[in-house]
N, C-alpha and C. Protein backbone atom coordinates (compact mmCIF):
# COMPACT_ATOMS: atom_id res chain seq x y z
N MET A 1 109.71 99.08 124.29
CA MET A 1 109.39 99.64 122.98
C MET A 1 110.09 100.99 122.82
N ARG A 2 110.82 101.14 121.74
CA ARG A 2 111.45 102.42 121.40
C ARG A 2 110.62 103.06 120.29
N VAL A 3 109.98 104.17 120.59
CA VAL A 3 109.03 104.80 119.69
C VAL A 3 109.52 106.19 119.31
N LEU A 4 109.50 106.49 118.02
CA LEU A 4 109.83 107.83 117.53
C LEU A 4 108.57 108.46 116.96
N ILE A 5 108.20 109.61 117.50
CA ILE A 5 106.97 110.29 117.11
C ILE A 5 107.32 111.54 116.30
N PHE A 6 106.83 111.60 115.09
CA PHE A 6 106.90 112.81 114.27
C PHE A 6 105.59 113.57 114.45
N GLY A 7 105.69 114.88 114.71
CA GLY A 7 104.49 115.67 114.98
C GLY A 7 104.12 115.69 116.45
N ALA A 8 105.07 115.35 117.30
CA ALA A 8 104.77 115.25 118.73
C ALA A 8 104.51 116.60 119.38
N THR A 9 104.88 117.70 118.72
CA THR A 9 104.60 119.01 119.30
C THR A 9 103.17 119.47 119.04
N GLY A 10 102.44 118.72 118.23
CA GLY A 10 101.03 119.03 118.00
C GLY A 10 100.18 118.56 119.17
N ARG A 11 98.91 118.90 119.13
CA ARG A 11 98.04 118.62 120.28
C ARG A 11 97.81 117.12 120.46
N THR A 12 97.68 116.38 119.38
CA THR A 12 97.54 114.93 119.51
C THR A 12 98.88 114.30 119.87
N GLY A 13 99.95 114.76 119.24
CA GLY A 13 101.26 114.20 119.48
C GLY A 13 101.72 114.33 120.91
N ARG A 14 101.37 115.43 121.56
CA ARG A 14 101.76 115.61 122.97
C ARG A 14 101.09 114.56 123.86
N HIS A 15 99.82 114.30 123.61
CA HIS A 15 99.14 113.25 124.36
C HIS A 15 99.81 111.90 124.10
N LEU A 16 100.15 111.67 122.85
CA LEU A 16 100.75 110.39 122.49
C LEU A 16 102.10 110.20 123.19
N ALA A 17 102.92 111.23 123.19
CA ALA A 17 104.22 111.14 123.85
C ALA A 17 104.06 110.87 125.34
N ALA A 18 103.17 111.60 125.98
CA ALA A 18 102.97 111.42 127.42
C ALA A 18 102.44 110.03 127.74
N GLN A 19 101.51 109.55 126.94
CA GLN A 19 100.95 108.22 127.21
C GLN A 19 101.95 107.11 126.92
N GLY A 20 102.79 107.30 125.91
CA GLY A 20 103.82 106.32 125.64
C GLY A 20 104.79 106.19 126.80
N VAL A 21 105.20 107.33 127.35
CA VAL A 21 106.09 107.32 128.51
C VAL A 21 105.39 106.63 129.69
N ALA A 22 104.11 106.96 129.90
CA ALA A 22 103.36 106.35 131.00
C ALA A 22 103.24 104.84 130.82
N ARG A 23 103.23 104.38 129.58
CA ARG A 23 103.16 102.94 129.30
C ARG A 23 104.51 102.25 129.56
N GLY A 24 105.54 103.05 129.81
CA GLY A 24 106.86 102.49 130.06
C GLY A 24 107.73 102.39 128.82
N TRP A 25 107.30 103.00 127.71
CA TRP A 25 108.06 102.96 126.47
C TRP A 25 109.15 104.04 126.50
N THR A 26 110.19 103.82 125.70
CA THR A 26 111.22 104.84 125.48
C THR A 26 110.76 105.69 124.30
N VAL A 27 110.49 106.95 124.55
CA VAL A 27 109.87 107.82 123.54
C VAL A 27 110.86 108.88 123.07
N PHE A 28 110.93 109.04 121.77
CA PHE A 28 111.68 110.11 121.14
C PHE A 28 110.72 110.95 120.31
N VAL A 29 111.00 112.25 120.21
CA VAL A 29 110.17 113.13 119.41
C VAL A 29 111.05 113.85 118.40
N ALA A 30 110.52 114.02 117.19
CA ALA A 30 111.30 114.65 116.12
C ALA A 30 110.44 115.66 115.38
N GLY A 31 111.07 116.73 114.94
CA GLY A 31 110.35 117.74 114.20
C GLY A 31 111.26 118.86 113.75
N ARG A 32 110.65 119.93 113.21
CA ARG A 32 111.41 121.01 112.60
C ARG A 32 111.68 122.19 113.51
N ASP A 33 110.97 122.27 114.64
CA ASP A 33 111.06 123.45 115.50
C ASP A 33 111.73 123.08 116.82
N PRO A 34 113.04 123.36 116.96
CA PRO A 34 113.75 122.96 118.18
C PRO A 34 113.13 123.53 119.45
N ALA A 35 112.63 124.76 119.39
CA ALA A 35 112.07 125.37 120.59
C ALA A 35 110.85 124.59 121.08
N ARG A 36 109.98 124.22 120.16
CA ARG A 36 108.79 123.47 120.56
C ARG A 36 109.16 122.05 120.98
N LEU A 37 110.14 121.45 120.32
CA LEU A 37 110.58 120.11 120.71
C LEU A 37 111.13 120.11 122.12
N ASN A 38 111.87 121.15 122.47
CA ASN A 38 112.50 121.21 123.79
C ASN A 38 111.47 121.28 124.91
N GLU A 39 110.24 121.68 124.59
CA GLU A 39 109.18 121.67 125.60
C GLU A 39 108.87 120.25 126.05
N LEU A 40 109.21 119.27 125.20
CA LEU A 40 108.97 117.86 125.53
C LEU A 40 110.23 117.18 126.05
N GLY A 41 111.31 117.94 126.15
CA GLY A 41 112.58 117.35 126.53
C GLY A 41 112.58 116.73 127.91
N GLY A 42 111.64 117.13 128.77
CA GLY A 42 111.60 116.56 130.10
C GLY A 42 111.10 115.13 130.14
N ILE A 43 110.38 114.71 129.10
CA ILE A 43 109.83 113.35 129.12
C ILE A 43 110.34 112.49 127.97
N ALA A 44 110.93 113.10 126.95
CA ALA A 44 111.30 112.33 125.76
C ALA A 44 112.62 112.80 125.19
N GLY A 45 113.30 111.91 124.48
CA GLY A 45 114.46 112.32 123.72
C GLY A 45 114.05 113.17 122.54
N VAL A 46 114.88 114.10 122.15
CA VAL A 46 114.52 115.10 121.14
C VAL A 46 115.49 115.04 119.97
N ALA A 47 114.94 115.11 118.74
CA ALA A 47 115.77 115.16 117.54
C ALA A 47 115.20 116.20 116.59
N SER A 48 116.03 117.16 116.16
CA SER A 48 115.61 118.17 115.19
C SER A 48 115.77 117.59 113.79
N VAL A 49 114.68 117.56 113.04
CA VAL A 49 114.64 116.88 111.74
C VAL A 49 113.85 117.72 110.75
N ASP A 50 114.34 117.79 109.51
CA ASP A 50 113.55 118.34 108.42
C ASP A 50 112.68 117.22 107.89
N VAL A 51 111.42 117.20 108.31
CA VAL A 51 110.57 116.06 108.04
C VAL A 51 110.24 115.91 106.56
N ALA A 52 110.50 116.94 105.76
CA ALA A 52 110.25 116.84 104.32
C ALA A 52 111.45 116.28 103.57
N ASP A 53 112.52 115.97 104.28
CA ASP A 53 113.76 115.51 103.66
C ASP A 53 114.05 114.08 104.11
N THR A 54 114.00 113.13 103.17
CA THR A 54 114.21 111.73 103.52
C THR A 54 115.56 111.49 104.16
N THR A 55 116.59 112.17 103.68
CA THR A 55 117.93 112.01 104.24
C THR A 55 117.98 112.47 105.69
N SER A 56 117.32 113.59 106.00
CA SER A 56 117.28 114.09 107.37
C SER A 56 116.53 113.13 108.28
N VAL A 57 115.42 112.61 107.79
CA VAL A 57 114.64 111.65 108.58
C VAL A 57 115.46 110.38 108.81
N ALA A 58 116.12 109.91 107.77
CA ALA A 58 116.94 108.70 107.90
C ALA A 58 118.05 108.89 108.92
N GLY A 59 118.62 110.09 108.98
CA GLY A 59 119.65 110.36 109.97
C GLY A 59 119.13 110.18 111.38
N ALA A 60 117.90 110.63 111.63
CA ALA A 60 117.30 110.46 112.95
C ALA A 60 117.05 108.99 113.25
N LEU A 61 116.58 108.25 112.26
CA LEU A 61 116.31 106.83 112.47
C LEU A 61 117.59 106.06 112.77
N ASN A 62 118.63 106.36 112.03
CA ASN A 62 119.90 105.67 112.25
C ASN A 62 120.50 106.02 113.61
N GLY A 63 120.27 107.25 114.06
CA GLY A 63 120.82 107.66 115.34
C GLY A 63 120.03 107.15 116.53
N LEU A 64 118.71 107.19 116.43
CA LEU A 64 117.86 106.84 117.57
C LEU A 64 117.48 105.36 117.60
N LYS A 65 117.50 104.71 116.45
CA LYS A 65 117.20 103.28 116.33
C LYS A 65 115.85 102.91 116.96
N PRO A 66 114.77 103.56 116.51
CA PRO A 66 113.46 103.20 117.05
C PRO A 66 112.99 101.85 116.49
N GLN A 67 112.13 101.20 117.25
CA GLN A 67 111.46 100.00 116.76
C GLN A 67 110.17 100.35 116.04
N VAL A 68 109.61 101.49 116.39
CA VAL A 68 108.30 101.91 115.89
C VAL A 68 108.35 103.39 115.55
N ILE A 69 107.69 103.76 114.46
CA ILE A 69 107.54 105.17 114.07
C ILE A 69 106.05 105.51 114.05
N VAL A 70 105.71 106.66 114.60
CA VAL A 70 104.35 107.18 114.51
C VAL A 70 104.41 108.57 113.88
N SER A 71 103.56 108.81 112.91
CA SER A 71 103.48 110.13 112.29
C SER A 71 102.12 110.76 112.55
N THR A 72 102.14 111.92 113.21
CA THR A 72 100.92 112.72 113.40
C THR A 72 101.06 114.08 112.72
N ILE A 73 101.95 114.15 111.71
CA ILE A 73 102.28 115.44 111.12
C ILE A 73 101.17 115.95 110.20
N GLY A 74 101.22 117.25 109.95
CA GLY A 74 100.30 117.89 109.02
C GLY A 74 100.62 119.36 108.89
N GLY A 75 100.01 120.01 107.92
CA GLY A 75 100.25 121.42 107.70
C GLY A 75 101.15 121.68 106.51
N ALA A 76 101.52 122.93 106.32
CA ALA A 76 102.33 123.33 105.18
C ALA A 76 103.77 123.57 105.60
N GLY A 77 104.70 123.21 104.73
CA GLY A 77 106.11 123.46 104.97
C GLY A 77 106.50 124.86 104.56
N PRO A 78 107.78 125.22 104.70
CA PRO A 78 108.25 126.57 104.34
C PRO A 78 107.99 126.92 102.88
N ASP A 79 107.96 125.91 102.01
CA ASP A 79 107.71 126.19 100.60
C ASP A 79 106.26 125.96 100.22
N ALA A 80 105.39 125.87 101.24
CA ALA A 80 103.94 125.73 101.07
C ALA A 80 103.51 124.35 100.60
N ARG A 81 104.44 123.42 100.47
CA ARG A 81 104.03 122.05 100.16
C ARG A 81 103.37 121.44 101.40
N LEU A 82 102.37 120.62 101.17
CA LEU A 82 101.67 120.02 102.28
C LEU A 82 102.52 118.91 102.89
N ILE A 83 102.89 119.11 104.16
CA ILE A 83 103.67 118.10 104.87
C ILE A 83 102.89 116.81 105.00
N ASP A 84 101.57 116.90 104.96
CA ASP A 84 100.73 115.70 105.00
C ASP A 84 101.18 114.67 103.97
N GLU A 85 101.65 115.13 102.82
CA GLU A 85 102.12 114.21 101.78
C GLU A 85 103.64 114.09 101.78
N VAL A 86 104.35 115.19 101.58
CA VAL A 86 105.80 115.08 101.41
C VAL A 86 106.49 114.61 102.69
N GLY A 87 105.99 115.05 103.84
CA GLY A 87 106.59 114.62 105.09
C GLY A 87 106.32 113.15 105.37
N ASN A 88 105.08 112.74 105.22
CA ASN A 88 104.75 111.34 105.45
C ASN A 88 105.48 110.42 104.47
N ASN A 89 105.59 110.86 103.23
CA ASN A 89 106.32 110.05 102.25
C ASN A 89 107.80 109.94 102.60
N ALA A 90 108.38 111.03 103.10
CA ALA A 90 109.78 110.99 103.52
C ALA A 90 109.97 110.03 104.69
N ILE A 91 109.03 110.02 105.61
CA ILE A 91 109.09 109.11 106.75
C ILE A 91 108.99 107.66 106.28
N THR A 92 108.04 107.40 105.38
CA THR A 92 107.89 106.04 104.83
C THR A 92 109.16 105.59 104.14
N ASP A 93 109.70 106.45 103.29
CA ASP A 93 110.90 106.07 102.52
C ASP A 93 112.10 105.86 103.43
N ALA A 94 112.24 106.71 104.45
CA ALA A 94 113.36 106.55 105.37
C ALA A 94 113.21 105.28 106.20
N ALA A 95 111.99 104.97 106.62
CA ALA A 95 111.77 103.75 107.38
C ALA A 95 112.17 102.53 106.56
N ALA A 96 111.76 102.50 105.29
CA ALA A 96 112.11 101.38 104.43
C ALA A 96 113.61 101.28 104.22
N ALA A 97 114.27 102.43 104.06
CA ALA A 97 115.71 102.43 103.82
C ALA A 97 116.51 102.04 105.06
N CYS A 98 115.98 102.34 106.23
CA CYS A 98 116.72 102.12 107.48
C CYS A 98 116.31 100.84 108.21
N GLY A 99 115.37 100.12 107.65
CA GLY A 99 114.97 98.86 108.26
C GLY A 99 114.06 98.97 109.45
N VAL A 100 113.35 100.09 109.60
CA VAL A 100 112.35 100.22 110.67
C VAL A 100 111.01 99.82 110.07
N ARG A 101 110.54 98.64 110.39
CA ARG A 101 109.40 98.09 109.67
C ARG A 101 108.05 98.62 110.16
N ARG A 102 107.94 98.95 111.45
CA ARG A 102 106.63 99.27 112.01
C ARG A 102 106.36 100.77 111.92
N VAL A 103 105.35 101.14 111.16
CA VAL A 103 105.00 102.54 110.96
C VAL A 103 103.50 102.71 111.14
N LEU A 104 103.12 103.66 111.97
CA LEU A 104 101.70 104.02 112.12
C LEU A 104 101.54 105.46 111.65
N GLN A 105 100.64 105.66 110.71
CA GLN A 105 100.40 106.99 110.14
C GLN A 105 98.99 107.44 110.51
N VAL A 106 98.89 108.63 111.10
CA VAL A 106 97.58 109.20 111.43
C VAL A 106 97.12 110.03 110.24
N SER A 107 95.99 109.66 109.69
CA SER A 107 95.45 110.32 108.51
C SER A 107 94.16 111.05 108.91
N SER A 108 93.08 110.84 108.20
CA SER A 108 91.82 111.52 108.52
C SER A 108 90.66 110.79 107.86
N LEU A 109 89.52 110.79 108.53
CA LEU A 109 88.30 110.40 107.84
C LEU A 109 88.11 111.31 106.62
N ALA A 110 87.48 110.79 105.61
CA ALA A 110 87.27 111.44 104.31
C ALA A 110 88.46 111.27 103.39
N CYS A 111 89.44 110.44 103.80
CA CYS A 111 90.54 110.07 102.91
C CYS A 111 90.27 108.69 102.31
N GLY A 112 90.89 108.43 101.18
CA GLY A 112 90.78 107.11 100.57
C GLY A 112 89.35 106.68 100.36
N ASP A 113 89.05 105.43 100.71
CA ASP A 113 87.72 104.91 100.45
C ASP A 113 86.66 105.49 101.38
N SER A 114 87.07 106.24 102.41
CA SER A 114 86.07 106.88 103.27
C SER A 114 85.55 108.19 102.69
N ARG A 115 86.19 108.66 101.62
CA ARG A 115 85.76 109.93 101.02
C ARG A 115 84.33 109.85 100.49
N ALA A 116 83.95 108.68 100.00
CA ALA A 116 82.61 108.52 99.45
C ALA A 116 81.53 108.77 100.49
N TYR A 117 81.88 108.70 101.77
CA TYR A 117 80.90 108.87 102.84
C TYR A 117 81.06 110.20 103.57
N ALA A 118 81.94 111.07 103.05
CA ALA A 118 82.20 112.36 103.70
C ALA A 118 81.19 113.41 103.23
N SER A 119 81.01 114.42 104.07
CA SER A 119 80.09 115.50 103.72
C SER A 119 80.73 116.43 102.69
N GLU A 120 79.89 117.05 101.87
CA GLU A 120 80.38 118.02 100.89
C GLU A 120 81.05 119.20 101.59
N ARG A 121 80.59 119.53 102.80
CA ARG A 121 81.18 120.65 103.55
C ARG A 121 82.64 120.37 103.87
N ILE A 122 82.94 119.16 104.31
CA ILE A 122 84.32 118.80 104.65
C ILE A 122 85.19 118.82 103.39
N ILE A 123 84.69 118.26 102.32
CA ILE A 123 85.46 118.21 101.08
C ILE A 123 85.76 119.63 100.59
N ALA A 124 84.78 120.50 100.66
CA ALA A 124 84.97 121.88 100.21
C ALA A 124 85.97 122.62 101.09
N ALA A 125 85.97 122.30 102.38
CA ALA A 125 86.83 123.04 103.33
C ALA A 125 88.29 122.62 103.24
N ILE A 126 88.54 121.31 103.16
CA ILE A 126 89.93 120.84 103.25
C ILE A 126 90.23 119.78 102.19
N GLY A 127 89.58 119.90 101.04
CA GLY A 127 89.79 118.91 99.98
C GLY A 127 91.24 118.67 99.62
N PRO A 128 92.04 119.72 99.38
CA PRO A 128 93.46 119.49 99.03
C PRO A 128 94.25 118.77 100.10
N VAL A 129 93.95 119.04 101.37
CA VAL A 129 94.64 118.35 102.46
C VAL A 129 94.26 116.87 102.46
N LEU A 130 92.98 116.59 102.26
CA LEU A 130 92.52 115.20 102.21
C LEU A 130 93.15 114.46 101.03
N ASP A 131 93.30 115.15 99.92
CA ASP A 131 93.96 114.54 98.76
C ASP A 131 95.41 114.20 99.08
N ALA A 132 96.10 115.13 99.75
CA ALA A 132 97.50 114.89 100.10
C ALA A 132 97.62 113.73 101.08
N LYS A 133 96.75 113.68 102.07
CA LYS A 133 96.77 112.58 103.03
C LYS A 133 96.48 111.25 102.34
N THR A 134 95.57 111.26 101.38
CA THR A 134 95.24 110.03 100.65
C THR A 134 96.45 109.53 99.87
N ARG A 135 97.15 110.44 99.21
CA ARG A 135 98.35 110.02 98.47
C ARG A 135 99.41 109.47 99.42
N ALA A 136 99.53 110.06 100.61
CA ALA A 136 100.49 109.55 101.60
C ALA A 136 100.08 108.17 102.09
N GLU A 137 98.78 107.97 102.31
CA GLU A 137 98.30 106.65 102.67
C GLU A 137 98.70 105.62 101.62
N ASP A 138 98.45 105.95 100.36
CA ASP A 138 98.76 105.03 99.26
C ASP A 138 100.25 104.71 99.22
N HIS A 139 101.06 105.73 99.45
CA HIS A 139 102.51 105.53 99.42
C HIS A 139 102.94 104.55 100.52
N LEU A 140 102.38 104.71 101.71
CA LEU A 140 102.71 103.81 102.81
C LEU A 140 102.20 102.40 102.54
N ARG A 141 101.00 102.29 102.02
CA ARG A 141 100.43 100.96 101.77
C ARG A 141 101.22 100.20 100.72
N ASN A 142 101.89 100.89 99.84
CA ASN A 142 102.69 100.25 98.79
C ASN A 142 104.11 99.94 99.25
N ALA A 143 104.47 100.35 100.46
CA ALA A 143 105.82 100.10 100.97
C ALA A 143 105.86 98.72 101.65
N ALA A 144 107.03 98.13 101.65
CA ALA A 144 107.22 96.81 102.28
C ALA A 144 107.46 97.00 103.78
N LEU A 145 106.42 97.47 104.47
CA LEU A 145 106.52 97.79 105.90
C LEU A 145 105.32 97.19 106.63
N ASP A 146 105.44 97.08 107.95
CA ASP A 146 104.32 96.66 108.79
C ASP A 146 103.56 97.92 109.19
N TRP A 147 102.65 98.33 108.34
CA TRP A 147 102.01 99.64 108.49
C TRP A 147 100.61 99.51 109.11
N THR A 148 100.22 100.60 109.75
CA THR A 148 98.85 100.81 110.19
C THR A 148 98.48 102.25 109.87
N ILE A 149 97.29 102.46 109.36
CA ILE A 149 96.78 103.81 109.11
C ILE A 149 95.54 104.01 109.97
N VAL A 150 95.51 105.10 110.72
CA VAL A 150 94.36 105.43 111.56
C VAL A 150 93.77 106.75 111.08
N ARG A 151 92.48 106.71 110.79
CA ARG A 151 91.75 107.90 110.32
C ARG A 151 90.81 108.38 111.41
N PRO A 152 91.20 109.40 112.18
CA PRO A 152 90.29 109.91 113.21
C PRO A 152 89.18 110.76 112.60
N GLY A 153 88.08 110.84 113.35
CA GLY A 153 87.03 111.77 112.99
C GLY A 153 87.40 113.17 113.47
N GLY A 154 86.40 114.02 113.63
CA GLY A 154 86.65 115.38 114.09
C GLY A 154 87.32 115.38 115.45
N LEU A 155 88.43 116.09 115.57
CA LEU A 155 89.23 116.07 116.80
C LEU A 155 88.81 117.19 117.75
N THR A 156 88.69 116.83 119.02
CA THR A 156 88.33 117.80 120.05
C THR A 156 89.42 117.84 121.11
N ASP A 157 89.46 118.93 121.87
CA ASP A 157 90.48 119.11 122.90
C ASP A 157 89.94 118.95 124.30
N GLY A 158 88.76 118.40 124.43
CA GLY A 158 88.18 118.23 125.76
C GLY A 158 88.80 117.07 126.51
N ASP A 159 88.29 116.83 127.71
CA ASP A 159 88.77 115.72 128.52
C ASP A 159 88.49 114.39 127.83
N PRO A 160 89.35 113.40 128.06
CA PRO A 160 89.08 112.09 127.49
C PRO A 160 87.80 111.49 128.06
N THR A 161 87.08 110.77 127.24
CA THR A 161 85.84 110.12 127.68
C THR A 161 86.02 108.64 127.95
N GLY A 162 87.12 108.08 127.44
CA GLY A 162 87.31 106.64 127.55
C GLY A 162 86.43 105.85 126.60
N GLN A 163 85.79 106.54 125.68
CA GLN A 163 84.86 105.89 124.73
C GLN A 163 85.42 105.83 123.31
N GLY A 164 86.70 106.08 123.14
CA GLY A 164 87.28 105.98 121.80
C GLY A 164 87.27 104.55 121.31
N ALA A 165 87.03 104.38 120.01
CA ALA A 165 86.97 103.03 119.44
C ALA A 165 87.48 103.06 118.01
N LEU A 166 88.00 101.92 117.57
CA LEU A 166 88.49 101.76 116.21
C LEU A 166 87.50 100.93 115.41
N TYR A 167 87.41 101.24 114.11
CA TYR A 167 86.47 100.55 113.22
C TYR A 167 87.16 100.26 111.90
N ASP A 168 87.04 99.04 111.45
CA ASP A 168 87.58 98.65 110.14
C ASP A 168 86.48 98.83 109.11
N ASP A 169 86.05 100.09 108.97
CA ASP A 169 84.88 100.39 108.14
C ASP A 169 84.95 101.84 107.69
N PRO A 170 84.98 102.11 106.38
CA PRO A 170 85.10 103.49 105.89
C PRO A 170 83.84 104.32 106.06
N ARG A 171 82.73 103.72 106.46
CA ARG A 171 81.47 104.45 106.58
C ARG A 171 81.34 105.21 107.89
N VAL A 172 82.29 105.04 108.78
CA VAL A 172 82.21 105.61 110.12
C VAL A 172 82.26 107.13 110.08
N HIS A 173 81.47 107.76 110.94
CA HIS A 173 81.53 109.22 111.17
C HIS A 173 81.51 109.47 112.67
N GLY A 174 82.00 110.63 113.07
CA GLY A 174 81.94 110.98 114.48
C GLY A 174 83.10 111.87 114.88
N ARG A 175 83.21 112.12 116.18
CA ARG A 175 84.27 112.94 116.75
C ARG A 175 85.05 112.11 117.76
N ILE A 176 86.21 112.62 118.14
CA ILE A 176 87.00 111.94 119.16
C ILE A 176 87.93 112.95 119.84
N ALA A 177 88.07 112.83 121.15
CA ALA A 177 89.02 113.66 121.89
C ALA A 177 90.44 113.23 121.55
N ARG A 178 91.33 114.19 121.44
CA ARG A 178 92.71 113.87 121.09
C ARG A 178 93.35 112.90 122.09
N ALA A 179 93.03 113.06 123.36
CA ALA A 179 93.60 112.16 124.36
C ALA A 179 93.11 110.74 124.15
N ASP A 180 91.85 110.57 123.78
CA ASP A 180 91.32 109.22 123.49
C ASP A 180 91.95 108.66 122.23
N LEU A 181 92.17 109.51 121.22
CA LEU A 181 92.84 109.05 120.01
C LEU A 181 94.23 108.53 120.34
N ALA A 182 94.96 109.27 121.18
CA ALA A 182 96.31 108.84 121.56
C ALA A 182 96.28 107.46 122.20
N THR A 183 95.29 107.21 123.04
CA THR A 183 95.17 105.89 123.67
C THR A 183 94.95 104.80 122.63
N LEU A 184 94.11 105.08 121.65
CA LEU A 184 93.87 104.10 120.59
C LEU A 184 95.14 103.84 119.78
N LEU A 185 95.92 104.88 119.53
CA LEU A 185 97.16 104.71 118.78
C LEU A 185 98.13 103.82 119.56
N ILE A 186 98.24 104.06 120.86
CA ILE A 186 99.11 103.24 121.70
C ILE A 186 98.65 101.78 121.66
N ASP A 187 97.35 101.57 121.79
CA ASP A 187 96.81 100.21 121.78
C ASP A 187 97.05 99.53 120.43
N ALA A 188 96.88 100.28 119.34
CA ALA A 188 97.10 99.71 118.01
C ALA A 188 98.55 99.30 117.83
N LEU A 189 99.47 100.11 118.35
CA LEU A 189 100.89 99.78 118.24
C LEU A 189 101.25 98.54 119.04
N ALA A 190 100.49 98.27 120.09
CA ALA A 190 100.82 97.17 121.00
C ALA A 190 100.37 95.81 120.50
N THR A 191 99.69 95.77 119.36
CA THR A 191 99.20 94.49 118.87
C THR A 191 99.46 94.34 117.37
N PRO A 192 99.89 93.16 116.94
CA PRO A 192 100.06 92.93 115.50
C PRO A 192 98.74 92.85 114.76
N ALA A 193 97.62 92.80 115.48
CA ALA A 193 96.32 92.71 114.81
C ALA A 193 96.04 93.91 113.92
N SER A 194 96.68 95.05 114.23
CA SER A 194 96.41 96.26 113.46
C SER A 194 97.30 96.40 112.22
N ILE A 195 98.28 95.52 112.07
CA ILE A 195 99.20 95.63 110.93
C ILE A 195 98.45 95.37 109.63
N GLY A 196 98.68 96.24 108.66
CA GLY A 196 98.01 96.11 107.37
C GLY A 196 96.57 96.57 107.37
N CYS A 197 96.17 97.32 108.41
CA CYS A 197 94.77 97.77 108.53
C CYS A 197 94.67 99.28 108.38
N VAL A 198 93.58 99.72 107.77
CA VAL A 198 93.20 101.12 107.74
C VAL A 198 91.98 101.25 108.64
N LEU A 199 92.14 101.94 109.76
CA LEU A 199 91.13 101.96 110.80
C LEU A 199 90.59 103.37 111.04
N SER A 200 89.28 103.47 111.19
CA SER A 200 88.65 104.73 111.57
C SER A 200 88.61 104.82 113.09
N ALA A 201 88.73 106.04 113.62
CA ALA A 201 88.75 106.24 115.07
C ALA A 201 87.76 107.34 115.44
N VAL A 202 86.76 106.99 116.23
CA VAL A 202 85.80 107.97 116.73
C VAL A 202 85.39 107.59 118.14
N ASP A 203 84.77 108.53 118.84
CA ASP A 203 84.14 108.24 120.12
C ASP A 203 82.85 107.48 119.82
N ARG A 204 82.71 106.31 120.41
CA ARG A 204 81.56 105.47 120.07
C ARG A 204 80.23 106.15 120.40
N THR A 205 80.23 107.13 121.31
CA THR A 205 78.99 107.82 121.65
C THR A 205 78.58 108.82 120.57
N THR A 206 79.50 109.14 119.63
CA THR A 206 79.16 110.08 118.55
C THR A 206 78.86 109.35 117.25
N LEU A 207 78.92 108.04 117.25
CA LEU A 207 78.68 107.26 116.04
C LEU A 207 77.20 107.30 115.70
N PRO A 208 76.82 107.65 114.47
CA PRO A 208 75.41 107.67 114.10
C PRO A 208 74.77 106.28 114.23
N ALA A 209 73.48 106.26 114.40
CA ALA A 209 72.76 104.99 114.55
C ALA A 209 72.76 104.17 113.26
N GLU A 210 72.86 104.86 112.14
CA GLU A 210 72.87 104.17 110.84
C GLU A 210 74.18 104.45 110.12
N PRO A 211 74.73 103.45 109.40
CA PRO A 211 74.22 102.08 109.26
C PRO A 211 74.42 101.27 110.54
N ALA A 212 73.50 100.37 110.80
CA ALA A 212 73.47 99.66 112.07
C ALA A 212 74.45 98.50 112.14
N ASP A 213 75.06 98.14 111.02
CA ASP A 213 75.93 96.95 111.01
C ASP A 213 77.41 97.28 111.21
N ILE A 214 77.72 98.50 111.58
CA ILE A 214 79.13 98.87 111.82
C ILE A 214 79.59 98.24 113.14
N ALA A 215 80.68 97.50 113.08
CA ALA A 215 81.21 96.81 114.26
C ALA A 215 82.58 97.34 114.62
N GLU A 216 82.89 97.36 115.91
CA GLU A 216 84.19 97.81 116.37
C GLU A 216 85.29 96.81 116.01
N PHE A 217 86.48 97.34 115.76
CA PHE A 217 87.66 96.52 115.54
C PHE A 217 88.22 96.16 116.92
N ASP A 218 88.28 94.89 117.23
CA ASP A 218 88.61 94.44 118.58
C ASP A 218 90.11 94.20 118.72
N LEU A 219 90.76 95.00 119.54
CA LEU A 219 92.17 94.81 119.85
C LEU A 219 92.38 94.05 121.16
N ALA A 220 91.31 93.83 121.91
CA ALA A 220 91.44 93.36 123.29
C ALA A 220 92.12 91.99 123.39
N ALA A 221 91.94 91.17 122.41
CA ALA A 221 92.45 89.80 122.51
C ALA A 221 93.96 89.74 122.45
N THR A 222 94.59 90.78 121.85
CA THR A 222 96.03 90.70 121.64
C THR A 222 96.80 91.86 122.23
N VAL A 223 96.15 92.85 122.81
CA VAL A 223 96.87 93.98 123.41
C VAL A 223 97.65 93.51 124.63
């Protein structure tokens, strides 16, 4: 598997790059900051890319020829536009133009149809970011690609618990360690069962007792 990770210099992306290499995949990382990218140069191929520019992203895809793209990007660009939207949209458009069909986009709980189940505190704190991520989700879902969207709950930097789980249910709430999220992303990429799915990701030990009918999305049969 040849995997190109956008946002690999972030805390989740670093786990993802390391785990991809450990899985035996050929991993490339792309982003805007060459100095931070070079920190990963020991384990992955590196490409400096303006992630808000479709042409720049397409240049990386044509050069590296990945089979799979993962986006964990977020934050504001130099012109204060939210990369959550413009960057993810550029990645989607470049993938479609370059013939890279498999794209996994990391979004967030409280986006899309999960917003109806989010707390008012979260909406008040990061509402514009959630709106941008939702628009990026919609853009990817409307593209002719083999897409997967993963919406993690609250992210923590502690040790992995091994209790991360995916749910095909917008009502899910909870937290998840970044290392466990990376494992779920790797597993989702390894199976076609996740294609065309919007999945929530939380540590199953943080899942509320109610509603009681929430079931895990099972990847085990095809991973």
